[in-house]
Structure formats: structure tokens, C-alpha cells
Amino acid sequence: MPGYYRRRAEGGVGLIVTEGTVVERPAARNDAAVPVFHGEALPEWQKVVQEVHAAGGLIAPQIWHVGAARGQGAEWEPLGKVDSPSGLVGLGKPKYEAMTDEDIADTIAAFGRSARAARELGFDAVEIHGAHSYLIDQFFWNVLNVRTDQWGGSTIGERSRFGPEVVRAVREGVGPDLPLILRLSQWKGGAYDAKNAHDPAELEQWLSPLAEAGVDVFHCSQRRFWEPEFEGSDLNFAGWTKKVTGLPTITVGSVGLDGEFIAAFGGAGSKPASLDGLIERLEREEFDLVAVGRALLADPRWVEKIREGRHDELMDFERQAMLTLS
């Protein structure tokens, strides 16, 4: 793993955000292969930081809790009680117990501990995974959060209370100067048209408390970055988020490829695609940074080739790239 991340730094990636790595809760992960960000794993993560820094790169861990989401290996069972806002796995589908106030407090504290560890290990930033119907996003989503206490409610403003508390704990852990990134999405696993915010007013209700709690950068996940977020405007999710909060944003979603990533899990490949439209939007400051996933999984020299105009050397993406450390 240290060599894998170092190769991306050597290839010109400006900031590496790691794979999701989970906080210290018994059921924070849903697959035995998911890495952890606590305990005996921390010295191994320090090796990753050292290799990336030696290559002149910057790196942030993406700290994570999957909540009630199941992994690819559904036969694997987590080691403790599953954390979930309301115990639901779908609309009106109970499966687990709802988190108690004690569970919630311990989970928030676990995010803070991992954040503090990231600072102590020398990471350059921290990203919280709050997207894609994992735990933080489960609190945001009205389908999975039907609580009637302080952690729920009928509006996105009410359901967003858990997220800012996590952000505050992470901000305290990393201190005032280390950049704090929050990854968000409207879409959910298996519910690609879902929305936490249906219009700009709801988007402001959702994001303003998160910004006030200490987020520096919003990482706005879409399946296709070029799709507008709301009717009547060409702005994408990152564009609207920047407009509403005034904070820097990262756009992501099928960057540099002609197919979106959900299809890759079924074995579909993708070919290189033009970046002209992306660059135009970046130059007019619709968003500030661009995240690249699958293209960099396949080719650690992708950024270098783009910068030097070596487009004929760009590689196709095949599912095998998700199974090997190239």
C-alpha cells in the first residue's frame, strides 16, 4: 500500500485521498477487507504518509463508518451491534436497533480520535466520508432516519444535526489549521435519484450547519459531474454547494472516462473521454478542485499524461484495476 500511494504522488496527483478507512466502532466496517484507522493499523498508515511525502505528495485519510450498509461479501458479519439512525435498511424495512444516545456519542468521539491520529501521523488533511448512504448520510436521508428526537425530524435541517457534531469532533481532533474535507452526495446506493435537498433553499439548510461546524472544503459526489443539480441552472452539485456556502468545492464523477463507475462493479469498462468541458467549468470557477477515481486506479501516471498532452497514452479502465495494486 505505501508503494501504491507513492506511485500516485510521483505521477503528479496534487492531493491523494485514501480509500475509506473506518473509525473505532465494533461494526464500523461491513467487509473484512476494509482497512481501519485506529490501534495497530496506525503505524502502517504512517508508512504510507512517509512514502507519499518522500515523493513530494500530500495525502488525507478518508475516515468512515458504513452504518447499516452491507458490503460485497454479505456473508461476513461485523463484530458488534450495527449502528443505524433508525435500524432501517430501506423504506419501512427494519432490521437493526436504532442507535442510542450513548452509541451516537461514542461514534462521534471515535471520529475525533481518528482525526487526532491523522494529525499526529503527519497527514496533510482529513476527509470525512458523509456520502453514499453510509452512516452520516443515513442520518441525512429521510428514508433511513425516521427518528423523532434531536437526531431526526421532517426537514433536512433537523436530520443534519449528527453530521455537524461529527465535524466538530474532527475539527477538534485535527486542530484549527489542518484542512477538513467533507464528502457528500445526493444519490444513494441503489437509489440513484434520491436527494437530501430538492432545491437551493434545502441545500442551504443542509450545508450551512456543516460549514459553521468547521468544514473547509465540500467534496461533492455525482455519478456524472456534468449533470446539473437543480432545474433552471447548469451548475452541478459542487457548483451549487460553492454558491450556497461560499466554500471551496471538489467535483467528482466519471472524470476522464466515458462510463460511470456503478457499471464497473458489473464488469463494465470505460474508455478515456475529453476533459474540455471540465476544464471550462474549472476555469470559470464553478468549483475549485477535481477528484479522479477510476482513471488513477488504472494508471498512476494519468495526471502526468494529461499535463503533457500525451492523450494517446491514456489507458482504458477495466474492472481488474479495482482488484490489483498497479
C-alpha atoms as a PDB file:
ATOM      1  CA  MET A   1       0.000   0.000   0.000  1.00  0.00           C
ATOM      2  CA  PRO A   2       2.738   2.565   0.704  1.00  0.00           C
ATOM      3  CA  GLY A   3       4.170   1.899  -2.757  1.00  0.00           C
ATOM      4  CA  TYR A   4       0.744   2.145  -4.383  1.00  0.00           C
ATOM      5  CA  TYR A   5       0.088   5.591  -2.916  1.00  0.00           C
ATOM      6  CA  ARG A   6       3.666   6.761  -3.559  1.00  0.00           C
ATOM      7  CA  ARG A   7       3.293   5.994  -7.267  1.00  0.00           C
ATOM      8  CA  ARG A   8       0.279   8.361  -7.463  1.00  0.00           C
ATOM      9  CA  ALA A   9       2.321  11.119  -5.812  1.00  0.00           C
ATOM     10  CA  GLU A  10       5.191  10.500  -8.236  1.00  0.00           C
ATOM     11  CA  GLY A  11       2.685  10.727 -11.096  1.00  0.00           C
ATOM     12  CA  GLY A  12       1.645  14.256 -10.146  1.00  0.00           C
ATOM     13  CA  VAL A  13      -1.519  13.885  -8.054  1.00  0.00           C
ATOM     14  CA  GLY A  14      -1.912  17.104  -6.042  1.00  0.00           C
ATOM     15  CA  LEU A  15      -3.719  15.607  -3.044  1.00  0.00           C
ATOM     16  CA  ILE A  16      -4.277  11.904  -2.502  1.00  0.00           C
ATOM     17  CA  VAL A  17      -7.409  10.945  -0.578  1.00  0.00           C
ATOM     18  CA  THR A  18      -7.133   7.363   0.634  1.00  0.00           C
ATOM     19  CA  GLU A  19      -9.708   4.647   0.362  1.00  0.00           C
ATOM     20  CA  GLY A  20     -12.339   4.653   3.100  1.00  0.00           C
ATOM     21  CA  THR A  21     -10.822   3.605   6.433  1.00  0.00           C
ATOM     22  CA  VAL A  22     -13.051   3.157   9.447  1.00  0.00           C
ATOM     23  CA  VAL A  23     -13.228   4.613  12.945  1.00  0.00           C
ATOM     24  CA  GLU A  24     -13.185   2.599  16.163  1.00  0.00           C
ATOM     25  CA  ARG A  25     -16.707   1.174  16.458  1.00  0.00           C
ATOM     26  CA  PRO A  26     -17.456  -2.582  16.519  1.00  0.00           C
ATOM     27  CA  ALA A  27     -19.456  -2.543  13.277  1.00  0.00           C
ATOM     28  CA  ALA A  28     -17.903   0.459  11.542  1.00  0.00           C
ATOM     29  CA  ARG A  29     -16.944  -1.706   8.549  1.00  0.00           C
ATOM     30  CA  ASN A  30     -19.016  -4.165   6.537  1.00  0.00           C
ATOM     31  CA  ASP A  31     -16.272  -6.220   4.920  1.00  0.00           C
ATOM     32  CA  ALA A  32     -13.192  -7.865   6.398  1.00  0.00           C
ATOM     33  CA  ALA A  33     -11.034  -6.252   3.693  1.00  0.00           C
ATOM     34  CA  VAL A  34     -11.934  -2.687   4.709  1.00  0.00           C
ATOM     35  CA  PRO A  35      -8.965  -1.052   6.490  1.00  0.00           C
ATOM     36  CA  VAL A  36      -9.226   0.566   9.903  1.00  0.00           C
ATOM     37  CA  PHE A  37      -7.846   3.858  11.221  1.00  0.00           C
ATOM     38  CA  HIS A  38      -7.102   3.077  14.843  1.00  0.00           C
ATOM     39  CA  GLY A  39      -4.979   0.837  17.030  1.00  0.00           C
ATOM     40  CA  GLU A  40      -2.356  -1.389  15.443  1.00  0.00           C
ATOM     41  CA  ALA A  41      -3.122  -0.072  11.948  1.00  0.00           C
ATOM     42  CA  LEU A  42      -1.822   3.432  12.687  1.00  0.00           C
ATOM     43  CA  PRO A  43       1.925   2.651  12.373  1.00  0.00           C
ATOM     44  CA  GLU A  44       1.174   1.113   8.973  1.00  0.00           C
ATOM     45  CA  TRP A  45      -0.627   4.271   7.869  1.00  0.00           C
ATOM     46  CA  GLN A  46       2.407   6.287   8.956  1.00  0.00           C
ATOM     47  CA  LYS A  47       4.464   4.316   6.422  1.00  0.00           C
ATOM     48  CA  VAL A  48       2.001   5.446   3.742  1.00  0.00           C
ATOM     49  CA  VAL A  49       2.409   9.099   4.791  1.00  0.00           C
ATOM     50  CA  GLN A  50       6.193   8.804   4.748  1.00  0.00           C
ATOM     51  CA  GLU A  51       6.274   7.320   1.259  1.00  0.00           C
ATOM     52  CA  VAL A  52       3.894   9.935  -0.179  1.00  0.00           C
ATOM     53  CA  HIS A  53       5.840  12.790   1.417  1.00  0.00           C
ATOM     54  CA  ALA A  54       9.117  11.361   0.150  1.00  0.00           C
ATOM     55  CA  ALA A  55       7.683  11.630  -3.360  1.00  0.00           C
ATOM     56  CA  GLY A  56       6.636  15.249  -2.787  1.00  0.00           C
ATOM     57  CA  GLY A  57       2.923  14.480  -2.422  1.00  0.00           C
ATOM     58  CA  LEU A  58       0.150  15.368   0.005  1.00  0.00           C
ATOM     59  CA  ILE A  59      -2.303  12.885   1.497  1.00  0.00           C
ATOM     60  CA  ALA A  60      -5.512  12.790   3.555  1.00  0.00           C
ATOM     61  CA  PRO A  61      -7.208   9.759   5.093  1.00  0.00           C
ATOM     62  CA  GLN A  62     -10.907   9.327   4.360  1.00  0.00           C
ATOM     63  CA  ILE A  63     -12.380   8.379   7.738  1.00  0.00           C
ATOM     64  CA  TRP A  64     -15.593   6.438   7.550  1.00  0.00           C
ATOM     65  CA  HIS A  65     -18.382   4.474   9.213  1.00  0.00           C
ATOM     66  CA  VAL A  66     -20.620   2.325   6.988  1.00  0.00           C
ATOM     67  CA  GLY A  67     -23.633   2.265   9.312  1.00  0.00           C
ATOM     68  CA  ALA A  68     -26.215  -0.281   8.176  1.00  0.00           C
ATOM     69  CA  ALA A  69     -24.843  -0.609   4.624  1.00  0.00           C
ATOM     70  CA  ARG A  70     -23.811  -4.137   3.678  1.00  0.00           C
ATOM     71  CA  GLY A  71     -20.567  -4.940   1.879  1.00  0.00           C
ATOM     72  CA  GLN A  72     -19.728  -7.004  -1.176  1.00  0.00           C
ATOM     73  CA  GLY A  73     -19.122 -10.063   0.972  1.00  0.00           C
ATOM     74  CA  ALA A  74     -22.595 -10.291   2.512  1.00  0.00           C
ATOM     75  CA  GLU A  75     -21.723 -13.496   4.361  1.00  0.00           C
ATOM     76  CA  TRP A  76     -19.240 -11.607   6.574  1.00  0.00           C
ATOM     77  CA  GLU A  77     -20.788 -10.348   9.799  1.00  0.00           C
ATOM     78  CA  PRO A  78     -19.492  -7.318  11.711  1.00  0.00           C
ATOM     79  CA  LEU A  79     -18.104  -7.839  15.184  1.00  0.00           C
ATOM     80  CA  GLY A  80     -20.761  -5.964  17.128  1.00  0.00           C
ATOM     81  CA  LYS A  81     -24.059  -4.116  17.074  1.00  0.00           C
ATOM     82  CA  VAL A  82     -24.777  -2.416  13.755  1.00  0.00           C
ATOM     83  CA  ASP A  83     -25.017   1.378  14.028  1.00  0.00           C
ATOM     84  CA  SER A  84     -28.015   2.916  12.283  1.00  0.00           C
ATOM     85  CA  PRO A  85     -30.137   6.024  12.934  1.00  0.00           C
ATOM     86  CA  SER A  86     -33.429   4.111  12.963  1.00  0.00           C
ATOM     87  CA  GLY A  87     -32.491   0.471  12.367  1.00  0.00           C
ATOM     88  CA  LEU A  88     -33.839   0.601   8.793  1.00  0.00           C
ATOM     89  CA  VAL A  89     -32.232  -0.797   5.650  1.00  0.00           C
ATOM     90  CA  GLY A  90     -34.848   0.624   3.274  1.00  0.00           C
ATOM     91  CA  LEU A  91     -38.181   2.387   3.226  1.00  0.00           C
ATOM     92  CA  GLY A  92     -40.175   0.790   6.063  1.00  0.00           C
ATOM     93  CA  LYS A  93     -37.680  -2.099   6.329  1.00  0.00           C
ATOM     94  CA  PRO A  94     -36.475  -2.522   9.934  1.00  0.00           C
ATOM     95  CA  LYS A  95     -33.543  -4.845  10.565  1.00  0.00           C
ATOM     96  CA  TYR A  96     -31.445  -3.415  13.394  1.00  0.00           C
ATOM     97  CA  GLU A  97     -31.890  -1.446  16.611  1.00  0.00           C
ATOM     98  CA  ALA A  98     -31.737   2.322  16.406  1.00  0.00           C
ATOM     99  CA  MET A  99     -28.622   3.915  17.876  1.00  0.00           C
ATOM    100  CA  THR A 100     -28.939   5.096  21.459  1.00  0.00           C
ATOM    101  CA  ASP A 101     -27.661   8.480  22.601  1.00  0.00           C
ATOM    102  CA  GLU A 102     -24.695   6.607  24.095  1.00  0.00           C
ATOM    103  CA  ASP A 103     -23.982   4.918  20.735  1.00  0.00           C
ATOM    104  CA  ILE A 104     -24.135   8.273  18.983  1.00  0.00           C
ATOM    105  CA  ALA A 105     -21.825   9.961  21.484  1.00  0.00           C
ATOM    106  CA  ASP A 106     -19.278   7.139  21.242  1.00  0.00           C
ATOM    107  CA  THR A 107     -19.376   7.231  17.440  1.00  0.00           C
ATOM    108  CA  ILE A 108     -18.782  10.982  17.376  1.00  0.00           C
ATOM    109  CA  ALA A 109     -15.873  10.546  19.777  1.00  0.00           C
ATOM    110  CA  ALA A 110     -14.434   7.775  17.573  1.00  0.00           C
ATOM    111  CA  PHE A 111     -14.315  10.144  14.597  1.00  0.00           C
ATOM    112  CA  GLY A 112     -12.495  12.651  16.790  1.00  0.00           C
ATOM    113  CA  ARG A 113      -9.907  10.072  17.859  1.00  0.00           C
ATOM    114  CA  SER A 114      -9.174   9.061  14.285  1.00  0.00           C
ATOM    115  CA  ALA A 115      -8.850  12.709  13.288  1.00  0.00           C
ATOM    116  CA  ARG A 116      -6.361  13.347  16.080  1.00  0.00           C
ATOM    117  CA  ALA A 117      -4.384  10.272  14.986  1.00  0.00           C
ATOM    118  CA  ALA A 118      -4.259  11.613  11.416  1.00  0.00           C
ATOM    119  CA  ARG A 119      -2.735  14.865  12.642  1.00  0.00           C
ATOM    120  CA  GLU A 120      -0.202  13.033  14.808  1.00  0.00           C
ATOM    121  CA  LEU A 121       0.806  10.758  11.905  1.00  0.00           C
ATOM    122  CA  GLY A 122       1.577  13.758   9.705  1.00  0.00           C
ATOM    123  CA  PHE A 123      -1.329  13.634   7.244  1.00  0.00           C
ATOM    124  CA  ASP A 124      -1.901  16.891   5.356  1.00  0.00           C
ATOM    125  CA  ALA A 125      -5.704  16.983   5.634  1.00  0.00           C
ATOM    126  CA  VAL A 126      -8.605  14.781   6.730  1.00  0.00           C
ATOM    127  CA  GLU A 127     -11.701  13.831   4.766  1.00  0.00           C
ATOM    128  CA  ILE A 128     -14.905  12.633   6.447  1.00  0.00           C
ATOM    129  CA  HIS A 129     -16.983  10.248   4.339  1.00  0.00           C
ATOM    130  CA  GLY A 130     -20.529  11.574   4.664  1.00  0.00           C
ATOM    131  CA  ALA A 131     -21.928  10.315   1.349  1.00  0.00           C
ATOM    132  CA  HIS A 132     -23.432   7.323  -0.485  1.00  0.00           C
ATOM    133  CA  SER A 133     -25.892   6.136   2.200  1.00  0.00           C
ATOM    134  CA  TYR A 134     -23.249   5.284   4.768  1.00  0.00           C
ATOM    135  CA  LEU A 135     -23.765   6.226   8.421  1.00  0.00           C
ATOM    136  CA  ILE A 136     -23.569  10.034   8.293  1.00  0.00           C
ATOM    137  CA  ASP A 137     -25.646  10.108   5.113  1.00  0.00           C
ATOM    138  CA  GLN A 138     -28.154   7.705   6.691  1.00  0.00           C
ATOM    139  CA  PHE A 139     -28.883  10.411   9.244  1.00  0.00           C
ATOM    140  CA  PHE A 140     -29.378  12.960   6.434  1.00  0.00           C
ATOM    141  CA  TRP A 141     -31.784  10.771   4.424  1.00  0.00           C
ATOM    142  CA  ASN A 142     -35.471  10.768   5.349  1.00  0.00           C
ATOM    143  CA  VAL A 143     -35.859   7.159   4.156  1.00  0.00           C
ATOM    144  CA  LEU A 144     -33.445   5.784   6.777  1.00  0.00           C
ATOM    145  CA  ASN A 145     -33.764   8.422   9.508  1.00  0.00           C
ATOM    146  CA  VAL A 146     -37.275   8.480  10.972  1.00  0.00           C
ATOM    147  CA  ARG A 147     -36.198   9.499  14.471  1.00  0.00           C
ATOM    148  CA  THR A 148     -38.327  11.993  16.374  1.00  0.00           C
ATOM    149  CA  ASP A 149     -35.667  13.079  18.876  1.00  0.00           C
ATOM    150  CA  GLN A 150     -32.882  15.650  18.459  1.00  0.00           C
ATOM    151  CA  TRP A 151     -31.192  13.473  15.805  1.00  0.00           C
ATOM    152  CA  GLY A 152     -34.156  13.361  13.407  1.00  0.00           C
ATOM    153  CA  GLY A 153     -37.056  15.340  12.031  1.00  0.00           C
ATOM    154  CA  SER A 154     -39.111  16.054   8.945  1.00  0.00           C
ATOM    155  CA  THR A 155     -36.679  18.583   7.412  1.00  0.00           C
ATOM    156  CA  ILE A 156     -33.117  18.176   6.173  1.00  0.00           C
ATOM    157  CA  GLY A 157     -32.081  20.878   8.623  1.00  0.00           C
ATOM    158  CA  GLU A 158     -33.271  18.724  11.522  1.00  0.00           C
ATOM    159  CA  ARG A 159     -31.787  15.500  10.143  1.00  0.00           C
ATOM    160  CA  SER A 160     -28.401  17.153   9.583  1.00  0.00           C
ATOM    161  CA  ARG A 161     -27.626  17.571  13.303  1.00  0.00           C
ATOM    162  CA  PHE A 162     -25.500  14.424  13.568  1.00  0.00           C
ATOM    163  CA  GLY A 163     -23.175  15.486  10.749  1.00  0.00           C
ATOM    164  CA  PRO A 164     -22.102  18.807  12.315  1.00  0.00           C
ATOM    165  CA  GLU A 165     -21.378  17.061  15.617  1.00  0.00           C
ATOM    166  CA  VAL A 166     -19.030  14.686  13.795  1.00  0.00           C
ATOM    167  CA  VAL A 167     -17.422  17.663  12.051  1.00  0.00           C
ATOM    168  CA  ARG A 168     -16.888  19.448  15.372  1.00  0.00           C
ATOM    169  CA  ALA A 169     -15.212  16.372  16.855  1.00  0.00           C
ATOM    170  CA  VAL A 170     -12.968  16.021  13.815  1.00  0.00           C
ATOM    171  CA  ARG A 171     -12.133  19.728  13.848  1.00  0.00           C
ATOM    172  CA  GLU A 172     -11.118  19.461  17.496  1.00  0.00           C
ATOM    173  CA  GLY A 173      -9.015  16.411  16.668  1.00  0.00           C
ATOM    174  CA  VAL A 174      -7.117  17.945  13.749  1.00  0.00           C
ATOM    175  CA  GLY A 175      -6.790  21.418  15.260  1.00  0.00           C
ATOM    176  CA  PRO A 176      -7.519  24.767  13.631  1.00  0.00           C
ATOM    177  CA  ASP A 177      -5.060  24.605  10.733  1.00  0.00           C
ATOM    178  CA  LEU A 178      -5.350  21.156   9.105  1.00  0.00           C
ATOM    179  CA  PRO A 179      -7.847  21.261   6.216  1.00  0.00           C
ATOM    180  CA  LEU A 180     -11.088  19.358   6.857  1.00  0.00           C
ATOM    181  CA  ILE A 181     -12.900  17.961   3.823  1.00  0.00           C
ATOM    182  CA  LEU A 182     -16.421  16.514   3.904  1.00  0.00           C
ATOM    183  CA  ARG A 183     -17.562  14.193   1.121  1.00  0.00           C
ATOM    184  CA  LEU A 184     -21.294  14.411   0.391  1.00  0.00           C
ATOM    185  CA  SER A 185     -23.716  13.039  -2.175  1.00  0.00           C
ATOM    186  CA  GLN A 186     -27.357  13.332  -3.031  1.00  0.00           C
ATOM    187  CA  TRP A 187     -27.555   9.848  -4.590  1.00  0.00           C
ATOM    188  CA  LYS A 188     -27.550   6.665  -2.510  1.00  0.00           C
ATOM    189  CA  GLY A 189     -26.500   3.116  -3.166  1.00  0.00           C
ATOM    190  CA  GLY A 190     -29.418   1.574  -5.051  1.00  0.00           C
ATOM    191  CA  ALA A 191     -31.349   4.889  -5.031  1.00  0.00           C
ATOM    192  CA  TYR A 192     -29.572   6.968  -7.634  1.00  0.00           C
ATOM    193  CA  ASP A 193     -32.284   9.629  -7.926  1.00  0.00           C
ATOM    194  CA  ALA A 194     -32.526  10.258  -4.162  1.00  0.00           C
ATOM    195  CA  LYS A 195     -31.983  13.768  -2.842  1.00  0.00           C
ATOM    196  CA  ASN A 196     -31.357  15.146   0.622  1.00  0.00           C
ATOM    197  CA  ALA A 197     -32.002  18.642  -0.764  1.00  0.00           C
ATOM    198  CA  HIS A 198     -34.568  19.182  -3.503  1.00  0.00           C
ATOM    199  CA  ASP A 199     -33.814  22.859  -4.133  1.00  0.00           C
ATOM    200  CA  PRO A 200     -31.223  25.520  -3.218  1.00  0.00           C
ATOM    201  CA  ALA A 201     -33.108  26.519  -0.059  1.00  0.00           C
ATOM    202  CA  GLU A 202     -32.957  22.964   1.303  1.00  0.00           C
ATOM    203  CA  LEU A 203     -29.315  22.745   0.223  1.00  0.00           C
ATOM    204  CA  GLU A 204     -28.558  25.758   2.402  1.00  0.00           C
ATOM    205  CA  GLN A 205     -30.435  24.203   5.361  1.00  0.00           C
ATOM    206  CA  TRP A 206     -28.319  21.073   4.942  1.00  0.00           C
ATOM    207  CA  LEU A 207     -24.887  22.580   4.361  1.00  0.00           C
ATOM    208  CA  SER A 208     -24.778  25.756   6.435  1.00  0.00           C
ATOM    209  CA  PRO A 209     -24.578  23.928   9.807  1.00  0.00           C
ATOM    210  CA  LEU A 210     -21.781  21.747   8.419  1.00  0.00           C
ATOM    211  CA  ALA A 211     -19.822  24.779   7.238  1.00  0.00           C
ATOM    212  CA  GLU A 212     -20.304  26.513  10.585  1.00  0.00           C
ATOM    213  CA  ALA A 213     -19.095  23.380  12.399  1.00  0.00           C
ATOM    214  CA  GLY A 214     -15.709  23.530  10.686  1.00  0.00           C
ATOM    215  CA  VAL A 215     -15.749  22.139   7.131  1.00  0.00           C
ATOM    216  CA  ASP A 216     -13.135  23.789   4.892  1.00  0.00           C
ATOM    217  CA  VAL A 217     -13.919  22.001   1.617  1.00  0.00           C
ATOM    218  CA  PHE A 218     -17.012  20.124   0.382  1.00  0.00           C
ATOM    219  CA  HIS A 219     -16.299  17.078  -1.813  1.00  0.00           C
ATOM    220  CA  CYS A 220     -19.454  16.756  -3.923  1.00  0.00           C
ATOM    221  CA  SER A 221     -20.011  13.295  -5.366  1.00  0.00           C
ATOM    222  CA  GLN A 222     -22.056  12.766  -8.520  1.00  0.00           C
ATOM    223  CA  ARG A 223     -22.199   9.776 -10.816  1.00  0.00           C
ATOM    224  CA  ARG A 224     -21.612  12.166 -13.765  1.00  0.00           C
ATOM    225  CA  PHE A 225     -20.054  15.514 -12.881  1.00  0.00           C
ATOM    226  CA  TRP A 226     -21.567  17.318 -15.888  1.00  0.00           C
ATOM    227  CA  GLU A 227     -25.187  16.816 -14.833  1.00  0.00           C
ATOM    228  CA  PRO A 228     -26.980  19.891 -13.395  1.00  0.00           C
ATOM    229  CA  GLU A 229     -28.150  19.575  -9.798  1.00  0.00           C
ATOM    230  CA  PHE A 230     -31.358  21.632  -9.960  1.00  0.00           C
ATOM    231  CA  GLU A 231     -33.664  22.690 -12.778  1.00  0.00           C
ATOM    232  CA  GLY A 232     -33.062  26.118 -14.261  1.00  0.00           C
ATOM    233  CA  SER A 233     -29.274  26.131 -13.843  1.00  0.00           C
ATOM    234  CA  ASP A 234     -26.284  24.374 -15.396  1.00  0.00           C
ATOM    235  CA  LEU A 235     -24.463  24.302 -12.050  1.00  0.00           C
ATOM    236  CA  ASN A 236     -23.595  20.821 -10.862  1.00  0.00           C
ATOM    237  CA  PHE A 237     -23.659  19.666  -7.220  1.00  0.00           C
ATOM    238  CA  ALA A 238     -20.235  21.181  -6.484  1.00  0.00           C
ATOM    239  CA  GLY A 239     -21.229  24.410  -8.222  1.00  0.00           C
ATOM    240  CA  TRP A 240     -24.395  24.839  -6.181  1.00  0.00           C
ATOM    241  CA  THR A 241     -22.568  23.921  -2.976  1.00  0.00           C
ATOM    242  CA  LYS A 242     -19.961  26.617  -3.608  1.00  0.00           C
ATOM    243  CA  LYS A 243     -22.687  29.130  -4.448  1.00  0.00           C
ATOM    244  CA  VAL A 244     -24.649  28.380  -1.263  1.00  0.00           C
ATOM    245  CA  THR A 245     -21.754  28.116   1.218  1.00  0.00           C
ATOM    246  CA  GLY A 246     -19.020  30.246  -0.327  1.00  0.00           C
ATOM    247  CA  LEU A 247     -16.523  27.492   0.483  1.00  0.00           C
ATOM    248  CA  PRO A 248     -14.188  25.693  -1.935  1.00  0.00           C
ATOM    249  CA  THR A 249     -15.609  22.553  -3.517  1.00  0.00           C
ATOM    250  CA  ILE A 250     -14.343  19.413  -5.221  1.00  0.00           C
ATOM    251  CA  THR A 251     -16.248  17.919  -8.139  1.00  0.00           C
ATOM    252  CA  VAL A 252     -16.113  14.217  -8.955  1.00  0.00           C
ATOM    253  CA  GLY A 253     -17.955  11.696 -11.107  1.00  0.00           C
ATOM    254  CA  SER A 254     -16.787   9.929 -14.288  1.00  0.00           C
ATOM    255  CA  VAL A 255     -13.897  12.360 -14.795  1.00  0.00           C
ATOM    256  CA  GLY A 256     -11.842  11.443 -17.851  1.00  0.00           C
ATOM    257  CA  LEU A 257     -13.883   8.353 -18.732  1.00  0.00           C
ATOM    258  CA  ASP A 258     -16.921   7.684 -20.932  1.00  0.00           C
ATOM    259  CA  GLY A 259     -18.740   5.389 -18.473  1.00  0.00           C
ATOM    260  CA  GLU A 260     -19.870   5.854 -14.869  1.00  0.00           C
ATOM    261  CA  PHE A 261     -18.450   3.823 -12.030  1.00  0.00           C
ATOM    262  CA  ILE A 262     -21.515   1.875 -10.831  1.00  0.00           C
ATOM    263  CA  ALA A 263     -21.356  -0.142 -14.057  1.00  0.00           C
ATOM    264  CA  ALA A 264     -17.770  -1.107 -13.236  1.00  0.00           C
ATOM    265  CA  PHE A 265     -18.985  -3.322 -10.392  1.00  0.00           C
ATOM    266  CA  GLY A 266     -20.817  -5.368 -13.017  1.00  0.00           C
ATOM    267  CA  GLY A 267     -17.658  -5.694 -15.085  1.00  0.00           C
ATOM    268  CA  ALA A 268     -18.106  -2.779 -17.497  1.00  0.00           C
ATOM    269  CA  GLY A 269     -15.013  -0.977 -18.735  1.00  0.00           C
ATOM    270  CA  SER A 270     -14.614   2.656 -19.808  1.00  0.00           C
ATOM    271  CA  LYS A 271     -12.514   4.487 -22.375  1.00  0.00           C
ATOM    272  CA  PRO A 272     -10.767   7.864 -21.997  1.00  0.00           C
ATOM    273  CA  ALA A 273     -13.012  10.878 -22.576  1.00  0.00           C
ATOM    274  CA  SER A 274     -12.329  14.541 -23.280  1.00  0.00           C
ATOM    275  CA  LEU A 275     -11.711  16.905 -20.364  1.00  0.00           C
ATOM    276  CA  ASP A 276     -12.548  20.078 -22.332  1.00  0.00           C
ATOM    277  CA  GLY A 277     -15.926  20.655 -20.669  1.00  0.00           C
ATOM    278  CA  LEU A 278     -14.473  20.003 -17.220  1.00  0.00           C
ATOM    279  CA  ILE A 279     -11.630  22.464 -17.762  1.00  0.00           C
ATOM    280  CA  GLU A 280     -14.025  25.153 -18.985  1.00  0.00           C
ATOM    281  CA  ARG A 281     -16.100  24.824 -15.815  1.00  0.00           C
ATOM    282  CA  LEU A 282     -12.981  24.826 -13.654  1.00  0.00           C
ATOM    283  CA  GLU A 283     -11.693  27.984 -15.349  1.00  0.00           C
ATOM    284  CA  ARG A 284     -14.955  29.818 -14.695  1.00  0.00           C
ATOM    285  CA  GLU A 285     -14.629  28.767 -11.032  1.00  0.00           C
ATOM    286  CA  GLU A 286     -17.811  26.708 -10.792  1.00  0.00           C
ATOM    287  CA  PHE A 287     -15.728  24.515  -8.464  1.00  0.00           C
ATOM    288  CA  ASP A 288     -12.132  24.588  -7.234  1.00  0.00           C
ATOM    289  CA  LEU A 289     -10.705  21.070  -7.390  1.00  0.00           C
ATOM    290  CA  VAL A 290     -11.348  17.879  -9.321  1.00  0.00           C
ATOM    291  CA  ALA A 291     -11.229  14.356  -7.887  1.00  0.00           C
ATOM    292  CA  VAL A 292     -10.283  11.447 -10.135  1.00  0.00           C
ATOM    293  CA  GLY A 293     -11.000   7.843  -9.196  1.00  0.00           C
ATOM    294  CA  ARG A 294     -11.012   5.045 -11.737  1.00  0.00           C
ATOM    295  CA  ALA A 295      -8.615   6.660 -14.217  1.00  0.00           C
ATOM    296  CA  LEU A 296      -5.992   6.839 -11.458  1.00  0.00           C
ATOM    297  CA  LEU A 297      -6.707   3.311 -10.271  1.00  0.00           C
ATOM    298  CA  ALA A 298      -5.765   2.102 -13.731  1.00  0.00           C
ATOM    299  CA  ASP A 299      -2.817   4.428 -14.352  1.00  0.00           C
ATOM    300  CA  PRO A 300      -0.682   6.145 -11.689  1.00  0.00           C
ATOM    301  CA  ARG A 301       0.760   8.414 -14.427  1.00  0.00           C
ATOM    302  CA  TRP A 302      -2.646   9.736 -15.546  1.00  0.00           C
ATOM    303  CA  VAL A 303      -2.079  13.304 -14.285  1.00  0.00           C
ATOM    304  CA  GLU A 304       1.362  13.465 -15.855  1.00  0.00           C
ATOM    305  CA  LYS A 305      -0.008  12.329 -19.222  1.00  0.00           C
ATOM    306  CA  ILE A 306      -2.855  14.868 -19.104  1.00  0.00           C
ATOM    307  CA  ARG A 307      -0.487  17.710 -18.186  1.00  0.00           C
ATOM    308  CA  GLU A 308       1.905  16.841 -21.021  1.00  0.00           C
ATOM    309  CA  GLY A 309      -0.804  16.276 -23.630  1.00  0.00           C
ATOM    310  CA  ARG A 310       0.033  12.574 -24.040  1.00  0.00           C
ATOM    311  CA  HIS A 311      -3.606  11.669 -24.621  1.00  0.00           C
ATOM    312  CA  ASP A 312      -2.757   8.788 -26.952  1.00  0.00           C
ATOM    313  CA  GLU A 313      -1.099   7.063 -23.964  1.00  0.00           C
ATOM    314  CA  LEU A 314      -4.187   7.196 -21.734  1.00  0.00           C
ATOM    315  CA  MET A 315      -5.383   3.770 -20.670  1.00  0.00           C
ATOM    316  CA  ASP A 316      -8.834   2.219 -20.767  1.00  0.00           C
ATOM    317  CA  PHE A 317     -10.349   1.379 -17.400  1.00  0.00           C
ATOM    318  CA  GLU A 318     -11.126  -2.274 -16.764  1.00  0.00           C
ATOM    319  CA  ARG A 319     -12.612  -3.810 -13.620  1.00  0.00           C
ATOM    320  CA  GLN A 320      -9.324  -5.585 -12.953  1.00  0.00           C
ATOM    321  CA  ALA A 321      -7.897  -2.219 -11.888  1.00  0.00           C
ATOM    322  CA  MET A 322     -10.066  -2.397  -8.765  1.00  0.00           C
ATOM    323  CA  LEU A 323      -8.586  -5.783  -7.858  1.00  0.00           C
ATOM    324  CA  THR A 324      -4.856  -5.079  -8.178  1.00  0.00           C
ATOM    325  CA  LEU A 325      -2.379  -2.519  -6.805  1.00  0.00           C
ATOM    326  CA  SER A 326      -0.909  -1.126 -10.031  1.00  0.00           C
END
